[in-house]
Amino acid sequence: GYMSQSDKGEMVIGGGTDGFNNYTQRGSFHHIEETLRALV
């Protein structure tokens, strides 16, 4: 998980990659949940 603050004040958070091949341009909830749990 990685975090910075943008010029607009938003906290920009990055997570990991999905564990499977895909072409979706949306977030996977379990990744987001675990990343945020650790960052909190």
Full PDB file with SEQRES, HELIX, SHEET, SSBOND, CRYST1, ORIGX, SCALE, CONECT and MASTER records, all heavy atoms in Angstrom:
SEQRES   1 A   40  GLY TYR MET SER GLN SER ASP LYS GLY GLU MET VAL ILE          
SEQRES   2 A   40  GLY GLY GLY THR ASP GLY PHE ASN ASN TYR THR GLN ARG          
SEQRES   3 A   40  GLY SER PHE HIS HIS ILE GLU GLU THR LEU ARG ALA LEU          
SEQRES   4 A   40  VAL                                                          
HELIX    1 AA1 PHE A   29  LEU A   39  1                                  11    
SHEET    1 AA1 2 TYR A   2  GLN A   5  0                                        
SHEET    2 AA1 2 MET A  11  GLY A  14 -1                                        
CRYST1    1.000    1.000    1.000  90.00  90.00  90.00 P 1           1          
ORIGX1      1.000000  0.000000  0.000000        0.00000                         
ORIGX2      0.000000  1.000000  0.000000        0.00000                         
ORIGX3      0.000000  0.000000  1.000000        0.00000                         
SCALE1      1.000000  0.000000  0.000000        0.00000                         
SCALE2      0.000000  1.000000  0.000000        0.00000                         
SCALE3      0.000000  0.000000  1.000000        0.00000                         
ATOM      1  N   GLY A   1       0.853  -1.182   0.000  1.00  0.00           N  
ATOM      2  CA  GLY A   1       0.000   0.000   0.000  1.00  0.00           C  
ATOM      3  C   GLY A   1       0.886   1.227   0.000  1.00  0.00           C  
ATOM      4  O   GLY A   1       1.942   1.228   0.631  1.00  0.00           O  
ATOM      5  N   TYR A   2       0.478   2.254  -0.725  1.00  0.00           N  
ATOM      6  CA  TYR A   2       1.287   3.477  -0.740  1.00  0.00           C  
ATOM      7  C   TYR A   2       0.355   4.669  -0.788  1.00  0.00           C  
ATOM      8  O   TYR A   2      -0.757   4.601  -1.302  1.00  0.00           O  
ATOM      9  CB  TYR A   2       2.282   3.495  -1.901  1.00  0.00           C  
ATOM     10  CG  TYR A   2       1.841   2.810  -3.163  1.00  0.00           C  
ATOM     11  CD1 TYR A   2       1.258   3.527  -4.202  1.00  0.00           C  
ATOM     12  CD2 TYR A   2       2.009   1.438  -3.319  1.00  0.00           C  
ATOM     13  CE1 TYR A   2       0.861   2.908  -5.367  1.00  0.00           C  
ATOM     14  CE2 TYR A   2       1.606   0.801  -4.484  1.00  0.00           C  
ATOM     15  CZ  TYR A   2       1.030   1.538  -5.498  1.00  0.00           C  
ATOM     16  OH  TYR A   2       0.622   0.924  -6.649  1.00  0.00           O  
ATOM     17  N   MET A   3       0.824   5.786  -0.227  1.00  0.00           N  
ATOM     18  CA  MET A   3      -0.075   6.920  -0.058  1.00  0.00           C  
ATOM     19  C   MET A   3       0.688   8.233  -0.208  1.00  0.00           C  
ATOM     20  O   MET A   3       1.833   8.366   0.214  1.00  0.00           O  
ATOM     21  CB  MET A   3      -0.742   6.855   1.318  1.00  0.00           C  
ATOM     22  CG  MET A   3      -1.865   7.875   1.501  1.00  0.00           C  
ATOM     23  SD  MET A   3      -2.922   7.507   2.915  1.00  0.00           S  
ATOM     24  CE  MET A   3      -1.897   8.105   4.235  1.00  0.00           C  
ATOM     25  N   SER A   4       0.027   9.189  -0.832  1.00  0.00           N  
ATOM     26  CA  SER A   4       0.539  10.558  -0.916  1.00  0.00           C  
ATOM     27  C   SER A   4      -0.665  11.482  -0.930  1.00  0.00           C  
ATOM     28  O   SER A   4      -1.809  11.030  -1.043  1.00  0.00           O  
ATOM     29  CB  SER A   4       1.398  10.752  -2.173  1.00  0.00           C  
ATOM     30  OG  SER A   4       0.612  10.573  -3.345  1.00  0.00           O  
ATOM     31  N   GLN A   5      -0.406  12.788  -0.824  1.00  0.00           N  
ATOM     32  CA  GLN A   5      -1.506  13.755  -0.868  1.00  0.00           C  
ATOM     33  C   GLN A   5      -1.380  14.583  -2.141  1.00  0.00           C  
ATOM     34  O   GLN A   5      -0.320  15.138  -2.434  1.00  0.00           O  
ATOM     35  CB  GLN A   5      -1.493  14.661   0.360  1.00  0.00           C  
ATOM     36  CG  GLN A   5      -2.752  15.519   0.475  1.00  0.00           C  
ATOM     37  CD  GLN A   5      -2.917  16.155   1.834  1.00  0.00           C  
ATOM     38  OE1 GLN A   5      -1.973  16.254   2.614  1.00  0.00           O  
ATOM     39  NE2 GLN A   5      -4.135  16.585   2.149  1.00  0.00           N  
ATOM     40  N   SER A   6      -2.466  14.658  -2.894  1.00  0.00           N  
ATOM     41  CA  SER A   6      -2.437  15.384  -4.165  1.00  0.00           C  
ATOM     42  C   SER A   6      -2.536  16.879  -3.930  1.00  0.00           C  
ATOM     43  O   SER A   6      -2.806  17.347  -2.819  1.00  0.00           O  
ATOM     44  CB  SER A   6      -3.584  14.926  -5.061  1.00  0.00           C  
ATOM     45  OG  SER A   6      -4.810  15.488  -4.624  1.00  0.00           O  
ATOM     46  N   ASP A   7      -2.353  17.649  -5.001  1.00  0.00           N  
ATOM     47  CA  ASP A   7      -2.449  19.107  -4.898  1.00  0.00           C  
ATOM     48  C   ASP A   7      -3.859  19.554  -4.538  1.00  0.00           C  
ATOM     49  O   ASP A   7      -4.055  20.647  -4.014  1.00  0.00           O  
ATOM     50  CB  ASP A   7      -2.011  19.748  -6.218  1.00  0.00           C  
ATOM     51  CG  ASP A   7      -2.834  19.254  -7.396  1.00  0.00           C  
ATOM     52  OD1 ASP A   7      -2.651  18.093  -7.804  1.00  0.00           O  
ATOM     53  OD2 ASP A   7      -3.667  20.021  -7.902  1.00  0.00           O  
ATOM     54  N   LYS A   8      -4.852  18.705  -4.811  1.00  0.00           N  
ATOM     55  CA  LYS A   8      -6.242  19.046  -4.467  1.00  0.00           C  
ATOM     56  C   LYS A   8      -6.599  18.643  -3.035  1.00  0.00           C  
ATOM     57  O   LYS A   8      -7.721  18.860  -2.593  1.00  0.00           O  
ATOM     58  CB  LYS A   8      -7.202  18.384  -5.462  1.00  0.00           C  
ATOM     59  CG  LYS A   8      -7.068  18.903  -6.882  1.00  0.00           C  
ATOM     60  CD  LYS A   8      -8.166  18.386  -7.786  1.00  0.00           C  
ATOM     61  CE  LYS A   8      -7.938  16.938  -8.167  1.00  0.00           C  
ATOM     62  NZ  LYS A   8      -6.791  16.759  -9.082  1.00  0.00           N  
ATOM     63  N   GLY A   9      -5.663  17.995  -2.333  1.00  0.00           N  
ATOM     64  CA  GLY A   9      -5.896  17.604  -0.954  1.00  0.00           C  
ATOM     65  C   GLY A   9      -6.362  16.177  -0.770  1.00  0.00           C  
ATOM     66  O   GLY A   9      -6.520  15.706   0.361  1.00  0.00           O  
ATOM     67  N   GLU A  10      -6.605  15.462  -1.874  1.00  0.00           N  
ATOM     68  CA  GLU A  10      -7.048  14.073  -1.762  1.00  0.00           C  
ATOM     69  C   GLU A  10      -5.890  13.179  -1.335  1.00  0.00           C  
ATOM     70  O   GLU A  10      -4.749  13.388  -1.754  1.00  0.00           O  
ATOM     71  CB  GLU A  10      -7.586  13.589  -3.111  1.00  0.00           C  
ATOM     72  CG  GLU A  10      -8.777  14.393  -3.630  1.00  0.00           C  
ATOM     73  CD  GLU A  10      -9.039  14.126  -5.100  1.00  0.00           C  
ATOM     74  OE1 GLU A  10      -8.069  13.829  -5.827  1.00  0.00           O  
ATOM     75  OE2 GLU A  10     -10.210  14.221  -5.528  1.00  0.00           O  
ATOM     76  N   MET A  11      -6.183  12.176  -0.516  1.00  0.00           N  
ATOM     77  CA  MET A  11      -5.180  11.161  -0.195  1.00  0.00           C  
ATOM     78  C   MET A  11      -5.217  10.113  -1.310  1.00  0.00           C  
ATOM     79  O   MET A  11      -6.246   9.450  -1.524  1.00  0.00           O  
ATOM     80  CB  MET A  11      -5.464  10.525   1.160  1.00  0.00           C  
ATOM     81  CG  MET A  11      -5.571  11.516   2.311  1.00  0.00           C  
ATOM     82  SD  MET A  11      -4.168  12.640   2.478  1.00  0.00           S  
ATOM     83  CE  MET A  11      -2.875  11.539   3.018  1.00  0.00           C  
ATOM     84  N   VAL A  12      -4.131  10.010  -2.049  1.00  0.00           N  
ATOM     85  CA  VAL A  12      -4.044   9.085  -3.183  1.00  0.00           C  
ATOM     86  C   VAL A  12      -3.425   7.787  -2.693  1.00  0.00           C  
ATOM     87  O   VAL A  12      -2.306   7.779  -2.181  1.00  0.00           O  
ATOM     88  CB  VAL A  12      -3.194   9.686  -4.323  1.00  0.00           C  
ATOM     89  CG1 VAL A  12      -3.169   8.745  -5.515  1.00  0.00           C  
ATOM     90  CG2 VAL A  12      -3.720  11.054  -4.722  1.00  0.00           C  
ATOM     91  N   ILE A  13      -4.162   6.695  -2.838  1.00  0.00           N  
ATOM     92  CA  ILE A  13      -3.746   5.404  -2.281  1.00  0.00           C  
ATOM     93  C   ILE A  13      -3.640   4.376  -3.397  1.00  0.00           C  
ATOM     94  O   ILE A  13      -4.530   4.269  -4.247  1.00  0.00           O  
ATOM     95  CB  ILE A  13      -4.752   4.932  -1.209  1.00  0.00           C  
ATOM     96  CG1 ILE A  13      -4.769   5.922  -0.041  1.00  0.00           C  
ATOM     97  CG2 ILE A  13      -4.426   3.523  -0.723  1.00  0.00           C  
ATOM     98  CD1 ILE A  13      -5.887   5.683   0.949  1.00  0.00           C  
ATOM     99  N   GLY A  14      -2.550   3.657  -3.408  1.00  0.00           N  
ATOM    100  CA  GLY A  14      -2.359   2.577  -4.373  1.00  0.00           C  
ATOM    101  C   GLY A  14      -2.311   1.242  -3.667  1.00  0.00           C  
ATOM    102  O   GLY A  14      -1.808   1.132  -2.546  1.00  0.00           O  
ATOM    103  N   GLY A  15      -2.836   0.216  -4.315  1.00  0.00           N  
ATOM    104  CA  GLY A  15      -2.818  -1.132  -3.765  1.00  0.00           C  
ATOM    105  C   GLY A  15      -2.001  -2.055  -4.637  1.00  0.00           C  
ATOM    106  O   GLY A  15      -1.170  -1.623  -5.436  1.00  0.00           O  
ATOM    107  N   GLY A  16      -2.241  -3.350  -4.513  1.00  0.00           N  
ATOM    108  CA  GLY A  16      -1.506  -4.344  -5.295  1.00  0.00           C  
ATOM    109  C   GLY A  16      -2.246  -4.714  -6.563  1.00  0.00           C  
ATOM    110  O   GLY A  16      -3.307  -4.169  -6.890  1.00  0.00           O  
ATOM    111  N   THR A  17      -1.659  -5.659  -7.277  1.00  0.00           N  
ATOM    112  CA  THR A  17      -2.294  -6.157  -8.496  1.00  0.00           C  
ATOM    113  C   THR A  17      -3.194  -7.343  -8.166  1.00  0.00           C  
ATOM    114  O   THR A  17      -2.987  -8.040  -7.171  1.00  0.00           O  
ATOM    115  CB  THR A  17      -1.237  -6.613  -9.514  1.00  0.00           C  
ATOM    116  OG1 THR A  17      -0.363  -7.563  -8.885  1.00  0.00           O  
ATOM    117  CG2 THR A  17      -0.426  -5.442 -10.019  1.00  0.00           C  
ATOM    118  N   ASP A  18      -4.173  -7.571  -9.018  1.00  0.00           N  
ATOM    119  CA  ASP A  18      -5.006  -8.762  -8.883  1.00  0.00           C  
ATOM    120  C   ASP A  18      -4.142 -10.014  -9.044  1.00  0.00           C  
ATOM    121  O   ASP A  18      -3.161 -10.004  -9.787  1.00  0.00           O  
ATOM    122  CB  ASP A  18      -6.102  -8.775  -9.954  1.00  0.00           C  
ATOM    123  CG  ASP A  18      -7.246  -7.841  -9.623  1.00  0.00           C  
ATOM    124  OD1 ASP A  18      -7.296  -7.351  -8.480  1.00  0.00           O  
ATOM    125  OD2 ASP A  18      -8.087  -7.592 -10.502  1.00  0.00           O  
ATOM    126  N   GLY A  19      -4.558 -11.076  -8.401  1.00  0.00           N  
ATOM    127  CA  GLY A  19      -3.813 -12.326  -8.498  1.00  0.00           C  
ATOM    128  C   GLY A  19      -4.199 -13.162  -9.696  1.00  0.00           C  
ATOM    129  O   GLY A  19      -3.853 -14.348  -9.766  1.00  0.00           O  
ATOM    130  N   PHE A  20      -4.921 -12.591 -10.621  1.00  0.00           N  
ATOM    131  CA  PHE A  20      -5.355 -13.334 -11.809  1.00  0.00           C  
ATOM    132  C   PHE A  20      -5.327 -12.397 -13.006  1.00  0.00           C  
ATOM    133  O   PHE A  20      -5.440 -11.180 -12.866  1.00  0.00           O  
ATOM    134  CB  PHE A  20      -6.767 -13.903 -11.602  1.00  0.00           C  
ATOM    135  CG  PHE A  20      -7.778 -12.868 -11.192  1.00  0.00           C  
ATOM    136  CD1 PHE A  20      -8.540 -12.199 -12.130  1.00  0.00           C  
ATOM    137  CD2 PHE A  20      -7.950 -12.550  -9.845  1.00  0.00           C  
ATOM    138  CE1 PHE A  20      -9.460 -11.241 -11.756  1.00  0.00           C  
ATOM    139  CE2 PHE A  20      -8.867 -11.581  -9.455  1.00  0.00           C  
ATOM    140  CZ  PHE A  20      -9.621 -10.933 -10.419  1.00  0.00           C  
ATOM    141  N   ASN A  21      -5.162 -12.962 -14.201  1.00  0.00           N  
ATOM    142  CA  ASN A  21      -5.098 -12.149 -15.416  1.00  0.00           C  
ATOM    143  C   ASN A  21      -6.486 -11.623 -15.770  1.00  0.00           C  
ATOM    144  O   ASN A  21      -7.461 -12.378 -15.763  1.00  0.00           O  
ATOM    145  CB  ASN A  21      -4.556 -12.975 -16.586  1.00  0.00           C  
ATOM    146  CG  ASN A  21      -3.174 -13.530 -16.309  1.00  0.00           C  
ATOM    147  OD1 ASN A  21      -2.893 -14.684 -16.555  1.00  0.00           O  
ATOM    148  ND2 ASN A  21      -2.309 -12.707 -15.784  1.00  0.00           N  
ATOM    149  N   ASN A  22      -6.555 -10.330 -16.076  1.00  0.00           N  
ATOM    150  CA  ASN A  22      -7.840  -9.754 -16.469  1.00  0.00           C  
ATOM    151  C   ASN A  22      -7.611  -8.419 -17.149  1.00  0.00           C  
ATOM    152  O   ASN A  22      -6.520  -7.850 -17.103  1.00  0.00           O  
ATOM    153  CB  ASN A  22      -8.762  -9.608 -15.253  1.00  0.00           C  
ATOM    154  CG  ASN A  22      -8.243  -8.608 -14.246  1.00  0.00           C  
ATOM    155  OD1 ASN A  22      -8.497  -7.420 -14.346  1.00  0.00           O  
ATOM    156  ND2 ASN A  22      -7.489  -9.085 -13.251  1.00  0.00           N  
ATOM    157  N   TYR A  23      -8.676  -7.911 -17.766  1.00  0.00           N  
ATOM    158  CA  TYR A  23      -8.624  -6.632 -18.467  1.00  0.00           C  
ATOM    159  C   TYR A  23      -9.644  -5.648 -17.904  1.00  0.00           C  
ATOM    160  O   TYR A  23     -10.117  -4.762 -18.600  1.00  0.00           O  
ATOM    161  CB  TYR A  23      -8.876  -6.843 -19.964  1.00  0.00           C  
ATOM    162  CG  TYR A  23      -7.733  -7.532 -20.657  1.00  0.00           C  
ATOM    163  CD1 TYR A  23      -7.732  -8.908 -20.835  1.00  0.00           C  
ATOM    164  CD2 TYR A  23      -6.641  -6.817 -21.109  1.00  0.00           C  
ATOM    165  CE1 TYR A  23      -6.687  -9.551 -21.453  1.00  0.00           C  
ATOM    166  CE2 TYR A  23      -5.575  -7.440 -21.728  1.00  0.00           C  
ATOM    167  CZ  TYR A  23      -5.603  -8.805 -21.899  1.00  0.00           C  
ATOM    168  OH  TYR A  23      -4.548  -9.429 -22.510  1.00  0.00           O  
ATOM    169  N   THR A  24      -9.980  -5.787 -16.631  1.00  0.00           N  
ATOM    170  CA  THR A  24     -10.950  -4.879 -16.019  1.00  0.00           C  
ATOM    171  C   THR A  24     -10.245  -3.609 -15.561  1.00  0.00           C  
ATOM    172  O   THR A  24      -9.129  -3.656 -15.073  1.00  0.00           O  
ATOM    173  CB  THR A  24     -11.638  -5.525 -14.807  1.00  0.00           C  
ATOM    174  OG1 THR A  24     -10.640  -5.826 -13.824  1.00  0.00           O  
ATOM    175  CG2 THR A  24     -12.353  -6.798 -15.196  1.00  0.00           C  
ATOM    176  N   GLN A  25     -10.911  -2.493 -15.707  1.00  0.00           N  
ATOM    177  CA  GLN A  25     -10.348  -1.223 -15.241  1.00  0.00           C  
ATOM    178  C   GLN A  25     -11.097  -0.744 -14.000  1.00  0.00           C  
ATOM    179  O   GLN A  25     -11.403   0.430 -13.850  1.00  0.00           O  
ATOM    180  CB  GLN A  25     -10.391  -0.181 -16.361  1.00  0.00           C  
ATOM    181  CG  GLN A  25      -9.387  -0.472 -17.463  1.00  0.00           C  
ATOM    182  CD  GLN A  25      -9.364   0.601 -18.532  1.00  0.00           C  
ATOM    183  OE1 GLN A  25     -10.405   1.008 -19.030  1.00  0.00           O  
ATOM    184  NE2 GLN A  25      -8.190   1.057 -18.896  1.00  0.00           N  
ATOM    185  N   ARG A  26     -11.362  -1.676 -13.095  1.00  0.00           N  
ATOM    186  CA  ARG A  26     -12.022  -1.326 -11.844  1.00  0.00           C  
ATOM    187  C   ARG A  26     -11.271  -1.992 -10.698  1.00  0.00           C  
ATOM    188  O   ARG A  26     -10.536  -2.942 -10.886  1.00  0.00           O  
ATOM    189  CB  ARG A  26     -13.484  -1.779 -11.850  1.00  0.00           C  
ATOM    190  CG  ARG A  26     -13.668  -3.272 -12.005  1.00  0.00           C  
ATOM    191  CD  ARG A  26     -15.139  -3.658 -11.953  1.00  0.00           C  
ATOM    192  NE  ARG A  26     -15.320  -5.102 -12.009  1.00  0.00           N  
ATOM    193  CZ  ARG A  26     -15.466  -5.796 -13.117  1.00  0.00           C  
ATOM    194  NH1 ARG A  26     -15.465  -5.186 -14.291  1.00  0.00           N  
ATOM    195  NH2 ARG A  26     -15.619  -7.109 -13.091  1.00  0.00           N  
ATOM    196  N   GLY A  27     -11.472  -1.469  -9.499  1.00  0.00           N  
ATOM    197  CA  GLY A  27     -10.784  -2.014  -8.342  1.00  0.00           C  
ATOM    198  C   GLY A  27     -11.414  -3.304  -7.848  1.00  0.00           C  
ATOM    199  O   GLY A  27     -12.623  -3.497  -7.950  1.00  0.00           O  
ATOM    200  N   SER A  28     -10.588  -4.196  -7.307  1.00  0.00           N  
ATOM    201  CA  SER A  28     -11.085  -5.426  -6.683  1.00  0.00           C  
ATOM    202  C   SER A  28     -11.245  -5.180  -5.184  1.00  0.00           C  
ATOM    203  O   SER A  28     -10.292  -4.786  -4.514  1.00  0.00           O  
ATOM    204  CB  SER A  28     -10.101  -6.579  -6.915  1.00  0.00           C  
ATOM    205  OG  SER A  28     -10.045  -6.912  -8.269  1.00  0.00           O  
ATOM    206  N   PHE A  29     -12.436  -5.433  -4.685  1.00  0.00           N  
ATOM    207  CA  PHE A  29     -12.761  -4.978  -3.330  1.00  0.00           C  
ATOM    208  C   PHE A  29     -11.869  -5.608  -2.268  1.00  0.00           C  
ATOM    209  O   PHE A  29     -11.458  -4.937  -1.316  1.00  0.00           O  
ATOM    210  CB  PHE A  29     -14.236  -5.267  -3.019  1.00  0.00           C  
ATOM    211  CG  PHE A  29     -14.658  -4.697  -1.683  1.00  0.00           C  
ATOM    212  CD1 PHE A  29     -14.870  -3.336  -1.543  1.00  0.00           C  
ATOM    213  CD2 PHE A  29     -14.799  -5.505  -0.580  1.00  0.00           C  
ATOM    214  CE1 PHE A  29     -15.240  -2.797  -0.323  1.00  0.00           C  
ATOM    215  CE2 PHE A  29     -15.165  -4.982   0.645  1.00  0.00           C  
ATOM    216  CZ  PHE A  29     -15.396  -3.629   0.774  1.00  0.00           C  
ATOM    217  N   HIS A  30     -11.530  -6.890  -2.419  1.00  0.00           N  
ATOM    218  CA  HIS A  30     -10.740  -7.526  -1.358  1.00  0.00           C  
ATOM    219  C   HIS A  30      -9.342  -6.919  -1.266  1.00  0.00           C  
ATOM    220  O   HIS A  30      -8.770  -6.805  -0.185  1.00  0.00           O  
ATOM    221  CB  HIS A  30     -10.659  -9.038  -1.587  1.00  0.00           C  
ATOM    222  CG  HIS A  30      -9.919  -9.445  -2.814  1.00  0.00           C  
ATOM    223  ND1 HIS A  30     -10.450  -9.326  -4.080  1.00  0.00           N  
ATOM    224  CD2 HIS A  30      -8.677  -9.940  -2.994  1.00  0.00           C  
ATOM    225  CE1 HIS A  30      -9.574  -9.749  -4.972  1.00  0.00           C  
ATOM    226  NE2 HIS A  30      -8.481 -10.118  -4.332  1.00  0.00           N  
ATOM    227  N   HIS A  31      -8.772  -6.509  -2.399  1.00  0.00           N  
ATOM    228  CA  HIS A  31      -7.474  -5.828  -2.395  1.00  0.00           C  
ATOM    229  C   HIS A  31      -7.575  -4.494  -1.666  1.00  0.00           C  
ATOM    230  O   HIS A  31      -6.731  -4.146  -0.839  1.00  0.00           O  
ATOM    231  CB  HIS A  31      -7.009  -5.556  -3.830  1.00  0.00           C  
ATOM    232  CG  HIS A  31      -6.116  -6.620  -4.378  1.00  0.00           C  
ATOM    233  ND1 HIS A  31      -4.921  -6.969  -3.777  1.00  0.00           N  
ATOM    234  CD2 HIS A  31      -6.219  -7.401  -5.468  1.00  0.00           C  
ATOM    235  CE1 HIS A  31      -4.349  -7.926  -4.473  1.00  0.00           C  
ATOM    236  NE2 HIS A  31      -5.123  -8.207  -5.506  1.00  0.00           N  
ATOM    237  N   ILE A  32      -8.605  -3.749  -2.005  1.00  0.00           N  
ATOM    238  CA  ILE A  32      -8.781  -2.425  -1.422  1.00  0.00           C  
ATOM    239  C   ILE A  32      -8.999  -2.528   0.078  1.00  0.00           C  
ATOM    240  O   ILE A  32      -8.419  -1.774   0.868  1.00  0.00           O  
ATOM    241  CB  ILE A  32      -9.969  -1.716  -2.112  1.00  0.00           C  
ATOM    242  CG1 ILE A  32      -9.602  -1.395  -3.572  1.00  0.00           C  
ATOM    243  CG2 ILE A  32     -10.368  -0.457  -1.366  1.00  0.00           C  
ATOM    244  CD1 ILE A  32     -10.776  -1.081  -4.444  1.00  0.00           C  
ATOM    245  N   GLU A  33      -9.804  -3.495   0.490  1.00  0.00           N  
ATOM    246  CA  GLU A  33     -10.097  -3.663   1.911  1.00  0.00           C  
ATOM    247  C   GLU A  33      -8.822  -3.987   2.695  1.00  0.00           C  
ATOM    248  O   GLU A  33      -8.561  -3.391   3.748  1.00  0.00           O  
ATOM    249  CB  GLU A  33     -11.138  -4.772   2.102  1.00  0.00           C  
ATOM    250  CG  GLU A  33     -11.597  -4.912   3.548  1.00  0.00           C  
ATOM    251  CD  GLU A  33     -12.655  -5.992   3.699  1.00  0.00           C  
ATOM    252  OE1 GLU A  33     -12.687  -6.915   2.871  1.00  0.00           O  
ATOM    253  OE2 GLU A  33     -13.440  -5.914   4.644  1.00  0.00           O  
ATOM    254  N   GLU A  34      -8.015  -4.907   2.203  1.00  0.00           N  
ATOM    255  CA  GLU A  34      -6.800  -5.293   2.921  1.00  0.00           C  
ATOM    256  C   GLU A  34      -5.778  -4.155   2.929  1.00  0.00           C  
ATOM    257  O   GLU A  34      -5.115  -3.904   3.934  1.00  0.00           O  
ATOM    258  CB  GLU A  34      -6.185  -6.554   2.286  1.00  0.00           C  
ATOM    259  CG  GLU A  34      -4.878  -7.013   2.931  1.00  0.00           C  
ATOM    260  CD  GLU A  34      -4.981  -7.222   4.441  1.00  0.00           C  
ATOM    261  OE1 GLU A  34      -6.058  -7.624   4.930  1.00  0.00           O  
ATOM    262  OE2 GLU A  34      -3.975  -6.964   5.129  1.00  0.00           O  
ATOM    263  N   THR A  35      -5.662  -3.443   1.820  1.00  0.00           N  
ATOM    264  CA  THR A  35      -4.727  -2.314   1.759  1.00  0.00           C  
ATOM    265  C   THR A  35      -5.128  -1.237   2.762  1.00  0.00           C  
ATOM    266  O   THR A  35      -4.294  -0.726   3.521  1.00  0.00           O  
ATOM    267  CB  THR A  35      -4.703  -1.718   0.340  1.00  0.00           C  
ATOM    268  OG1 THR A  35      -4.244  -2.715  -0.577  1.00  0.00           O  
ATOM    269  CG2 THR A  35      -3.774  -0.518   0.273  1.00  0.00           C  
ATOM    270  N   LEU A  36      -6.411  -0.892   2.788  1.00  0.00           N  
ATOM    271  CA  LEU A  36      -6.878   0.147   3.707  1.00  0.00           C  
ATOM    272  C   LEU A  36      -6.792  -0.310   5.161  1.00  0.00           C  
ATOM    273  O   LEU A  36      -6.483   0.487   6.051  1.00  0.00           O  
ATOM    274  CB  LEU A  36      -8.312   0.552   3.370  1.00  0.00           C  
ATOM    275  CG  LEU A  36      -8.475   1.361   2.087  1.00  0.00           C  
ATOM    276  CD1 LEU A  36      -9.934   1.694   1.848  1.00  0.00           C  
ATOM    277  CD2 LEU A  36      -7.652   2.640   2.136  1.00  0.00           C  
ATOM    278  N   ARG A  37      -7.036  -1.588   5.402  1.00  0.00           N  
ATOM    279  CA  ARG A  37      -6.948  -2.104   6.771  1.00  0.00           C  
ATOM    280  C   ARG A  37      -5.532  -1.905   7.317  1.00  0.00           C  
ATOM    281  O   ARG A  37      -5.336  -1.489   8.463  1.00  0.00           O  
ATOM    282  CB  ARG A  37      -7.322  -3.588   6.776  1.00  0.00           C  
ATOM    283  CG  ARG A  37      -7.582  -4.137   8.185  1.00  0.00           C  
ATOM    284  CD  ARG A  37      -7.835  -5.625   8.133  1.00  0.00           C  
ATOM    285  NE  ARG A  37      -9.002  -5.966   7.334  1.00  0.00           N  
ATOM    286  CZ  ARG A  37      -9.055  -6.989   6.485  1.00  0.00           C  
ATOM    287  NH1 ARG A  37      -8.007  -7.760   6.310  1.00  0.00           N  
ATOM    288  NH2 ARG A  37     -10.162  -7.235   5.820  1.00  0.00           N  
ATOM    289  N   ALA A  38      -4.534  -2.187   6.484  1.00  0.00           N  
ATOM    290  CA  ALA A  38      -3.144  -2.026   6.903  1.00  0.00           C  
ATOM    291  C   ALA A  38      -2.766  -0.549   7.012  1.00  0.00           C  
ATOM    292  O   ALA A  38      -2.063  -0.146   7.947  1.00  0.00           O  
ATOM    293  CB  ALA A  38      -2.226  -2.731   5.909  1.00  0.00           C  
ATOM    294  N   LEU A  39      -3.235   0.276   6.061  1.00  0.00           N  
ATOM    295  CA  LEU A  39      -2.886   1.698   6.100  1.00  0.00           C  
ATOM    296  C   LEU A  39      -3.548   2.414   7.274  1.00  0.00           C  
ATOM    297  O   LEU A  39      -2.981   3.357   7.826  1.00  0.00           O  
ATOM    298  CB  LEU A  39      -3.273   2.372   4.778  1.00  0.00           C  
ATOM    299  CG  LEU A  39      -2.396   2.033   3.571  1.00  0.00           C  
ATOM    300  CD1 LEU A  39      -2.938   2.703   2.315  1.00  0.00           C  
ATOM    301  CD2 LEU A  39      -0.950   2.454   3.795  1.00  0.00           C  
ATOM    302  N   VAL A  40      -4.734   1.975   7.674  1.00  0.00           N  
ATOM    303  CA  VAL A  40      -5.396   2.576   8.831  1.00  0.00           C  
ATOM    304  C   VAL A  40      -4.572   2.335  10.093  1.00  0.00           C  
ATOM    305  O   VAL A  40      -4.502   3.199  10.985  1.00  0.00           O  
ATOM    306  CB  VAL A  40      -6.832   2.029   8.986  1.00  0.00           C  
ATOM    307  CG1 VAL A  40      -7.382   2.295  10.384  1.00  0.00           C  
ATOM    308  CG2 VAL A  40      -7.748   2.664   7.954  1.00  0.00           C  
TER     309      VAL A  40                                                      
MASTER        0    0    0    1    2    0    0    6  308    1    0    4          
END                                                                             
